[in-house]
C-alpha atoms as a PDB file:
ATOM      1  CA  MET A   1     213.375 292.608-102.026  1.00  0.00           C
ATOM      2  CA  ASP A   2     212.652 289.017-101.418  1.00  0.00           C
ATOM      3  CA  GLN A   3     213.713 289.192 -97.822  1.00  0.00           C
ATOM      4  CA  PRO A   4     211.250 291.881 -96.763  1.00  0.00           C
ATOM      5  CA  ARG A   5     208.548 290.021 -98.526  1.00  0.00           C
ATOM      6  CA  CYS A   6     209.345 286.889 -96.655  1.00  0.00           C
ATOM      7  CA  GLN A   7     209.338 288.742 -93.421  1.00  0.00           C
ATOM      8  CA  MET A   8     205.988 290.202 -94.258  1.00  0.00           C
ATOM      9  CA  GLU A   9     204.537 286.878 -95.106  1.00  0.00           C
ATOM     10  CA  THR A  10     205.929 285.522 -91.899  1.00  0.00           C
ATOM     11  CA  MET A  11     204.327 288.303 -89.946  1.00  0.00           C
ATOM     12  CA  ILE A  12     201.007 287.696 -91.655  1.00  0.00           C
ATOM     13  CA  GLN A  13     201.209 283.916 -91.212  1.00  0.00           C
ATOM     14  CA  LYS A  14     202.086 284.060 -87.527  1.00  0.00           C
ATOM     15  CA  PRO A  15     198.884 285.838 -86.392  1.00  0.00           C
ATOM     16  CA  GLN A  16     196.894 283.407 -88.452  1.00  0.00           C
ATOM     17  CA  GLU A  17     198.515 280.431 -86.760  1.00  0.00           C
ATOM     18  CA  GLU A  18     197.895 281.935 -83.365  1.00  0.00           C
ATOM     19  CA  THR A  19     194.287 282.493 -84.286  1.00  0.00           C
ATOM     20  CA  VAL A  20     193.938 278.919 -85.428  1.00  0.00           C
ATOM     21  CA  GLN A  21     195.600 277.661 -82.248  1.00  0.00           C
ATOM     22  CA  LEU A  22     193.300 279.765 -80.110  1.00  0.00           C
ATOM     23  CA  LYS A  23     190.285 278.419 -81.905  1.00  0.00           C
ATOM     24  CA  SER A  24     191.520 274.876 -81.479  1.00  0.00           C
ATOM     25  CA  GLU A  25     192.075 275.391 -77.771  1.00  0.00           C
ATOM     26  CA  GLU A  26     188.676 276.971 -77.454  1.00  0.00           C
ATOM     27  CA  ILE A  27     187.040 274.092 -79.295  1.00  0.00           C
ATOM     28  CA  GLN A  28     188.926 271.582 -77.199  1.00  0.00           C
ATOM     29  CA  GLN A  29     187.900 273.358 -73.995  1.00  0.00           C
ATOM     30  CA  ARG A  30     184.268 273.454 -75.065  1.00  0.00           C
ATOM     31  CA  THR A  31     184.470 269.800 -76.053  1.00  0.00           C
ATOM     32  CA  GLU A  32     185.961 268.858 -72.704  1.00  0.00           C
ATOM     33  CA  GLU A  33     183.284 270.871 -70.920  1.00  0.00           C
ATOM     34  CA  GLU A  34     180.620 269.075 -72.916  1.00  0.00           C
ATOM     35  CA  ILE A  35     182.229 265.653 -72.524  1.00  0.00           C
ATOM     36  CA  HIS A  36     183.004 265.938 -68.789  1.00  0.00           C
ATOM     37  CA  PRO A  37     179.360 265.835 -67.644  1.00  0.00           C
ATOM     38  CA  ASN A  38     178.780 262.842 -69.890  1.00  0.00           C
ATOM     39  CA  LEU A  39     181.749 261.066 -68.362  1.00  0.00           C
ATOM     40  CA  GLU A  40     180.450 261.695 -64.867  1.00  0.00           C
ATOM     41  CA  ALA A  41     177.022 260.451 -65.853  1.00  0.00           C
ATOM     42  CA  ASP A  42     178.539 257.332 -67.383  1.00  0.00           C
ATOM     43  CA  ALA A  43     180.612 256.766 -64.262  1.00  0.00           C
ATOM     44  CA  VAL A  44     177.522 257.105 -62.085  1.00  0.00           C
ATOM     45  CA  GLN A  45     175.605 254.693 -64.298  1.00  0.00           C
ATOM     46  CA  GLN A  46     178.470 252.248 -64.304  1.00  0.00           C
ATOM     47  CA  LYS A  47     178.682 252.475 -60.546  1.00  0.00           C
ATOM     48  CA  GLN A  48     174.947 251.902 -60.238  1.00  0.00           C
ATOM     49  CA  ARG A  49     175.114 248.938 -62.601  1.00  0.00           C
ATOM     50  CA  TRP A  50     178.045 247.534 -60.655  1.00  0.00           C
ATOM     51  CA  GLU A  51     176.184 247.994 -57.365  1.00  0.00           C
ATOM     52  CA  GLU A  52     173.103 246.332 -58.835  1.00  0.00           C
ATOM     53  CA  GLN A  53     175.242 243.484 -60.096  1.00  0.00           C
ATOM     54  CA  GLN A  54     176.817 243.172 -56.653  1.00  0.00           C
ATOM     55  CA  LYS A  55     173.371 243.099 -55.098  1.00  0.00           C
ATOM     56  CA  ILE A  56     172.284 240.457 -57.583  1.00  0.00           C
ATOM     57  CA  HIS A  57     175.408 238.434 -56.898  1.00  0.00           C
ATOM     58  CA  GLN A  58     174.913 238.832 -53.139  1.00  0.00           C
ATOM     59  CA  LYS A  59     171.276 237.798 -53.381  1.00  0.00           C
ATOM     60  CA  HIS A  60     172.181 234.831 -55.569  1.00  0.00           C
ATOM     61  CA  TRP A  61     174.913 233.808 -53.124  1.00  0.00           C
ATOM     62  CA  GLU A  62     172.520 234.093 -50.180  1.00  0.00           C
ATOM     63  CA  GLU A  63     169.949 231.983 -52.025  1.00  0.00           C
ATOM     64  CA  GLN A  64     172.617 229.407 -52.794  1.00  0.00           C
ATOM     65  CA  GLN A  65     173.593 229.361 -49.119  1.00  0.00           C
ATOM     66  CA  LYS A  66     169.961 228.859 -48.124  1.00  0.00           C
ATOM     67  CA  ILE A  67     169.600 226.058 -50.654  1.00  0.00           C
ATOM     68  CA  ALA A  68     172.811 224.451 -49.397  1.00  0.00           C
ATOM     69  CA  GLU A  69     171.623 224.763 -45.792  1.00  0.00           C
ATOM     70  CA  LYS A  70     168.255 223.229 -46.687  1.00  0.00           C
ATOM     71  CA  ARG A  71     170.055 220.437 -48.509  1.00  0.00           C
ATOM     72  CA  ARG A  72     172.258 219.771 -45.478  1.00  0.00           C
ATOM     73  CA  GLU A  73     169.217 219.855 -43.192  1.00  0.00           C
ATOM     74  CA  PHE A  74     167.377 217.455 -45.480  1.00  0.00           C
ATOM     75  CA  GLN A  75     170.375 215.117 -45.527  1.00  0.00           C
ATOM     76  CA  ARG A  76     170.556 215.212 -41.716  1.00  0.00           C
ATOM     77  CA  GLU A  77     166.838 214.465 -41.425  1.00  0.00           C
ATOM     78  CA  LEU A  78     167.170 211.693 -44.009  1.00  0.00           C
ATOM     79  CA  ALA A  79     170.111 210.171 -42.118  1.00  0.00           C
ATOM     80  CA  GLU A  80     168.184 210.379 -38.828  1.00  0.00           C
ATOM     81  CA  GLU A  81     165.139 208.836 -40.485  1.00  0.00           C
ATOM     82  CA  ARG A  82     167.263 205.987 -41.829  1.00  0.00           C
ATOM     83  CA  ILE A  83     168.757 205.357 -38.398  1.00  0.00           C
ATOM     84  CA  ARG A  84     165.303 205.468 -36.777  1.00  0.00           C
ATOM     85  CA  PHE A  85     163.884 203.150 -39.437  1.00  0.00           C
ATOM     86  CA  ARG A  86     166.732 200.658 -38.956  1.00  0.00           C
ATOM     87  CA  GLU A  87     166.307 200.748 -35.176  1.00  0.00           C
ATOM     88  CA  GLU A  88     162.540 200.218 -35.475  1.00  0.00           C
ATOM     89  CA  LEU A  89     163.108 197.417 -37.983  1.00  0.00           C
ATOM     90  CA  ALA A  90     165.635 195.757 -35.671  1.00  0.00           C
ATOM     91  CA  ALA A  91     163.249 196.142 -32.702  1.00  0.00           C
ATOM     92  CA  ASP A  92     160.368 194.681 -34.709  1.00  0.00           C
ATOM     93  CA  ARG A  93     162.576 191.797 -35.825  1.00  0.00           C
ATOM     94  CA  ARG A  94     163.624 191.084 -32.239  1.00  0.00           C
ATOM     95  CA  LYS A  95     160.011 191.254 -31.063  1.00  0.00           C
ATOM     96  CA  PHE A  96     158.904 188.958 -33.881  1.00  0.00           C
ATOM     97  CA  MET A  97     161.637 186.445 -33.078  1.00  0.00           C
ATOM     98  CA  GLN A  98     160.734 186.534 -29.375  1.00  0.00           C
ATOM     99  CA  GLU A  99     157.053 185.979 -30.160  1.00  0.00           C
ATOM    100  CA  LEU A 100     157.945 183.238 -32.641  1.00  0.00           C
ATOM    101  CA  THR A 101     160.160 181.530 -30.061  1.00  0.00           C
ATOM    102  CA  ALA A 102     157.445 181.818 -27.404  1.00  0.00           C
ATOM    103  CA  ASP A 103     154.822 180.438 -29.800  1.00  0.00           C
ATOM    104  CA  ARG A 104     157.126 177.574 -30.769  1.00  0.00           C
ATOM    105  CA  ARG A 105     157.755 176.707 -27.115  1.00  0.00           C
ATOM    106  CA  LYS A 106     154.048 176.927 -26.356  1.00  0.00           C
ATOM    107  CA  PHE A 107     153.242 174.717 -29.333  1.00  0.00           C
ATOM    108  CA  GLU A 108     155.884 172.172 -28.327  1.00  0.00           C
ATOM    109  CA  GLN A 109     154.576 172.165 -24.748  1.00  0.00           C
ATOM    110  CA  GLU A 110     150.977 171.758 -25.906  1.00  0.00           C
ATOM    111  CA  GLN A 111     152.068 169.018 -28.299  1.00  0.00           C
ATOM    112  CA  GLN A 112     153.912 167.211 -25.515  1.00  0.00           C
ATOM    113  CA  GLU A 113     150.926 167.557 -23.184  1.00  0.00           C
ATOM    114  CA  TYR A 114     148.661 166.261 -25.949  1.00  0.00           C
ATOM    115  CA  TYR A 115     150.829 163.200 -26.522  1.00  0.00           C
ATOM    116  CA  LEU A 116     151.060 162.532 -22.776  1.00  0.00           C
ATOM    117  CA  LYS A 117     147.300 162.892 -22.417  1.00  0.00           C
ATOM    118  CA  LYS A 118     146.775 160.679 -25.443  1.00  0.00           C
ATOM    119  CA  GLU A 119     149.137 158.072 -24.020  1.00  0.00           C
ATOM    120  CA  ARG A 120     147.384 158.159 -20.636  1.00  0.00           C
ATOM    121  CA  GLU A 121     143.999 157.887 -22.327  1.00  0.00           C
ATOM    122  CA  GLU A 122     145.182 154.961 -24.436  1.00  0.00           C
ATOM    123  CA  ARG A 123     146.511 153.216 -21.333  1.00  0.00           C
ATOM    124  CA  ARG A 124     143.260 153.922 -19.490  1.00  0.00           C
ATOM    125  CA  LEU A 125     141.186 152.579 -22.379  1.00  0.00           C
ATOM    126  CA  ALA A 126     143.437 149.545 -22.675  1.00  0.00           C
ATOM    127  CA  GLU A 127     143.088 148.893 -18.949  1.00  0.00           C
ATOM    128  CA  LYS A 128     139.342 149.408 -19.124  1.00  0.00           C
ATOM    129  CA  GLU A 129     139.102 147.071 -22.083  1.00  0.00           C
ATOM    130  CA  ARG A 130     141.204 144.505 -20.240  1.00  0.00           C
ATOM    131  CA  LEU A 131     138.990 144.725 -17.154  1.00  0.00           C
ATOM    132  CA  ILE A 132     135.822 144.512 -19.225  1.00  0.00           C
ATOM    133  CA  LYS A 133     137.215 141.514 -21.033  1.00  0.00           C
ATOM    134  CA  ALA A 134     138.175 139.919 -17.732  1.00  0.00           C
ATOM    135  CA  LYS A 135     134.719 140.697 -16.363  1.00  0.00           C
ATOM    136  CA  TRP A 136     132.961 139.100 -19.298  1.00  0.00           C
ATOM    137  CA  GLU A 137     135.263 136.105 -19.203  1.00  0.00           C
ATOM    138  CA  LEU A 138     134.456 135.696 -15.527  1.00  0.00           C
ATOM    139  CA  LEU A 139     130.756 136.059 -16.192  1.00  0.00           C
ATOM    140  CA  GLU A 140     130.910 133.520 -19.007  1.00  0.00           C
ATOM    141  CA  MET A 141     132.793 131.120 -16.767  1.00  0.00           C
ATOM    142  CA  GLU A 142     130.240 131.632 -14.006  1.00  0.00           C
ATOM    143  CA  LEU A 143     127.378 131.111 -16.436  1.00  0.00           C
ATOM    144  CA  GLN A 144     128.883 127.912 -17.683  1.00  0.00           C
ATOM    145  CA  LYS A 145     129.614 126.808 -14.143  1.00  0.00           C
ATOM    146  CA  LEU A 146     126.113 127.740 -13.058  1.00  0.00           C
ATOM    147  CA  ALA A 147     124.588 125.838 -15.944  1.00  0.00           C
ATOM    148  CA  GLY A 148     126.626 122.775 -15.056  1.00  0.00           C
ATOM    149  CA  GLU A 149     125.761 123.059 -11.385  1.00  0.00           C
ATOM    150  CA  ARG A 150     122.070 123.504 -12.131  1.00  0.00           C
ATOM    151  CA  GLU A 151     122.127 120.510 -14.385  1.00  0.00           C
ATOM    152  CA  ALA A 152     123.913 118.476 -11.716  1.00  0.00           C
ATOM    153  CA  PHE A 153     121.520 119.753  -9.080  1.00  0.00           C
ATOM    154  CA  GLU A 154     118.487 118.831 -11.149  1.00  0.00           C
ATOM    155  CA  LYS A 155     119.866 115.377 -11.760  1.00  0.00           C
ATOM    156  CA  LYS A 156     120.599 114.979  -8.081  1.00  0.00           C
ATOM    157  CA  LYS A 157     117.161 116.242  -7.181  1.00  0.00           C
ATOM    158  CA  GLU A 158     115.537 113.829  -9.582  1.00  0.00           C
ATOM    159  CA  ALA A 159     117.619 110.983  -8.208  1.00  0.00           C
ATOM    160  CA  GLU A 160     116.670 111.860  -4.652  1.00  0.00           C
ATOM    161  CA  ALA A 161     113.031 112.137  -5.638  1.00  0.00           C
ATOM    162  CA  VAL A 162     113.202 108.728  -7.202  1.00  0.00           C
ATOM    163  CA  ARG A 163     114.827 107.342  -4.053  1.00  0.00           C
ATOM    164  CA  GLY A 164     112.147 108.992  -2.007  1.00  0.00           C
ATOM    165  CA  GLU A 165     114.546 111.412  -0.467  1.00  0.00           C
ATOM    166  CA  GLY A 166     112.746 114.711  -0.253  1.00  0.00           C
ATOM    167  CA  ARG A 167     115.418 116.575   1.592  1.00  0.00           C
ATOM    168  CA  GLN A 168     117.824 118.942  -0.022  1.00  0.00           C
ATOM    169  CA  ALA A 169     121.457 118.979   0.788  1.00  0.00           C
ATOM    170  CA  ARG A 170     122.179 121.427   3.618  1.00  0.00           C
ATOM    171  CA  MET A 171     125.211 122.798   1.846  1.00  0.00           C
ATOM    172  CA  THR A 172     123.176 123.925  -1.138  1.00  0.00           C
ATOM    173  CA  VAL A 173     122.568 127.608  -0.622  1.00  0.00           C
ATOM    174  CA  LYS A 174     119.690 129.639  -2.025  1.00  0.00           C
ATOM    175  CA  TYR A 175     120.894 132.850  -3.626  1.00  0.00           C
ATOM    176  CA  PRO A 176     118.965 135.984  -4.348  1.00  0.00           C
ATOM    177  CA  SER A 177     117.910 135.920  -7.975  1.00  0.00           C
ATOM    178  CA  GLU A 178     119.848 139.094  -8.878  1.00  0.00           C
ATOM    179  CA  MET A 179     123.092 137.795  -7.351  1.00  0.00           C
ATOM    180  CA  GLU A 180     122.969 134.084  -8.073  1.00  0.00           C
ATOM    181  CA  LEU A 181     125.189 134.653 -11.094  1.00  0.00           C
ATOM    182  CA  PHE A 182     128.081 136.048  -8.994  1.00  0.00           C
ATOM    183  CA  PHE A 183     128.002 133.513  -6.156  1.00  0.00           C
ATOM    184  CA  SER A 184     126.784 130.500  -8.078  1.00  0.00           C
ATOM    185  CA  GLY A 185     128.564 127.280  -7.224  1.00  0.00           C
ATOM    186  CA  VAL A 186     129.723 128.506  -3.801  1.00  0.00           C
ATOM    187  CA  GLU A 187     129.167 125.685  -1.311  1.00  0.00           C
ATOM    188  CA  ASN A 188     131.292 126.770   1.645  1.00  0.00           C
ATOM    189  CA  GLU A 189     132.445 129.885   3.436  1.00  0.00           C
ATOM    190  CA  LEU A 190     136.005 129.707   2.085  1.00  0.00           C
ATOM    191  CA  ASP A 191     134.814 129.701  -1.542  1.00  0.00           C
ATOM    192  CA  MET A 192     132.428 132.504  -0.713  1.00  0.00           C
ATOM    193  CA  LYS A 193     135.213 134.743   0.653  1.00  0.00           C
ATOM    194  CA  LYS A 194     137.450 133.973  -2.315  1.00  0.00           C
ATOM    195  CA  ARG A 195     134.661 134.837  -4.777  1.00  0.00           C
ATOM    196  CA  TYR A 196     133.878 137.984  -2.839  1.00  0.00           C
ATOM    197  CA  ARG A 197     137.482 139.230  -3.100  1.00  0.00           C
ATOM    198  CA  GLU A 198     137.483 138.600  -6.857  1.00  0.00           C
ATOM    199  CA  LEU A 199     134.219 140.492  -7.310  1.00  0.00           C
ATOM    200  CA  ILE A 200     135.492 143.428  -5.229  1.00  0.00           C
ATOM    201  CA  LYS A 201     138.544 143.746  -7.478  1.00  0.00           C
ATOM    202  CA  ILE A 202     136.340 143.926 -10.550  1.00  0.00           C
ATOM    203  CA  PHE A 203     133.485 146.157  -9.379  1.00  0.00           C
ATOM    204  CA  HIS A 204     135.318 148.481  -6.968  1.00  0.00           C
ATOM    205  CA  PRO A 205     134.525 152.164  -7.795  1.00  0.00           C
ATOM    206  CA  ASP A 206     138.242 152.980  -8.045  1.00  0.00           C
ATOM    207  CA  ASN A 207     138.455 150.841 -11.178  1.00  0.00           C
ATOM    208  CA  SER A 208     137.448 152.195 -14.575  1.00  0.00           C
ATOM    209  CA  THR A 209     134.820 149.441 -14.810  1.00  0.00           C
ATOM    210  CA  GLY A 210     133.641 149.906 -11.209  1.00  0.00           C
ATOM    211  CA  ASP A 211     129.947 149.938 -10.386  1.00  0.00           C
ATOM    212  CA  THR A 212     128.845 151.233  -6.981  1.00  0.00           C
ATOM    213  CA  GLN A 213     125.322 149.873  -7.218  1.00  0.00           C
ATOM    214  CA  THR A 214     126.476 146.392  -8.200  1.00  0.00           C
ATOM    215  CA  LEU A 215     129.091 146.485  -5.443  1.00  0.00           C
ATOM    216  CA  GLN A 216     126.404 147.307  -2.876  1.00  0.00           C
ATOM    217  CA  MET A 217     124.305 144.366  -4.066  1.00  0.00           C
ATOM    218  CA  ILE A 218     127.362 142.097  -3.833  1.00  0.00           C
ATOM    219  CA  ASN A 219     127.978 143.286  -0.265  1.00  0.00           C
ATOM    220  CA  ARG A 220     124.357 142.624   0.735  1.00  0.00           C
ATOM    221  CA  THR A 221     124.457 139.171  -0.820  1.00  0.00           C
ATOM    222  CA  TYR A 222     127.780 138.458   0.856  1.00  0.00           C
ATOM    223  CA  GLU A 223     126.384 139.405   4.263  1.00  0.00           C
ATOM    224  CA  SER A 224     123.339 137.229   3.646  1.00  0.00           C
ATOM    225  CA  LEU A 225     125.505 134.274   2.654  1.00  0.00           C
ATOM    226  CA  LYS A 226     127.686 134.723   5.722  1.00  0.00           C
ATOM    227  CA  LYS A 227     124.599 134.408   7.907  1.00  0.00           C
ATOM    228  CA  GLN A 228     123.467 131.279   6.057  1.00  0.00           C
ATOM    229  CA  PHE A 229     126.863 129.608   6.354  1.00  0.00           C
ATOM    230  CA  SER A 230     127.115 130.618  10.022  1.00  0.00           C
ATOM    231  CA  ALA A 231     123.682 129.218  10.832  1.00  0.00           C
END
């Protein structure tokens, strides 16, 4: 009795299990059909996101490459600018040193010329001063000599007048008033020539104390005296 009952229950239970299994399979199939489109959509979205990310990465990489290239270009330009600046600085330094050397040489040459000119001028002034001094010494000597000779002449003239001698000594020469200072005391032709040579040395135009006009007067007086002594 129990056995048929068990069989019956088994028979009843088996269709129920099959029904449940069919429902499960049906639900699973419907679920897969519903989920499959979602999976495809997700895959498409993921692919799009990945492509966008790749594009972003590519763009970022390209920008980095551009930045790196600009940096390298800037460094090259900076290096070239440094080289150019150093070359210009070196050229300017060389030019400055050349100009400085030229200016120094010019200054030294001008300084040397100045000292030579100063030395020549000092010698010329010293020579001129010496000649002037000699001239004045000669003039003073001639003045003193002339004064003595005049005094002696006056005494002689007075003595001759007292003795009744009205003649003048033939050797006493009359000089032109403007030249009597230079040829005073000259009583013969030899003294005259000697005095003339001394006067020429002093008043010759080649000397720093030379005087052409005075020299001409000396020459005229000399010629006049020559005629008197030759008479």
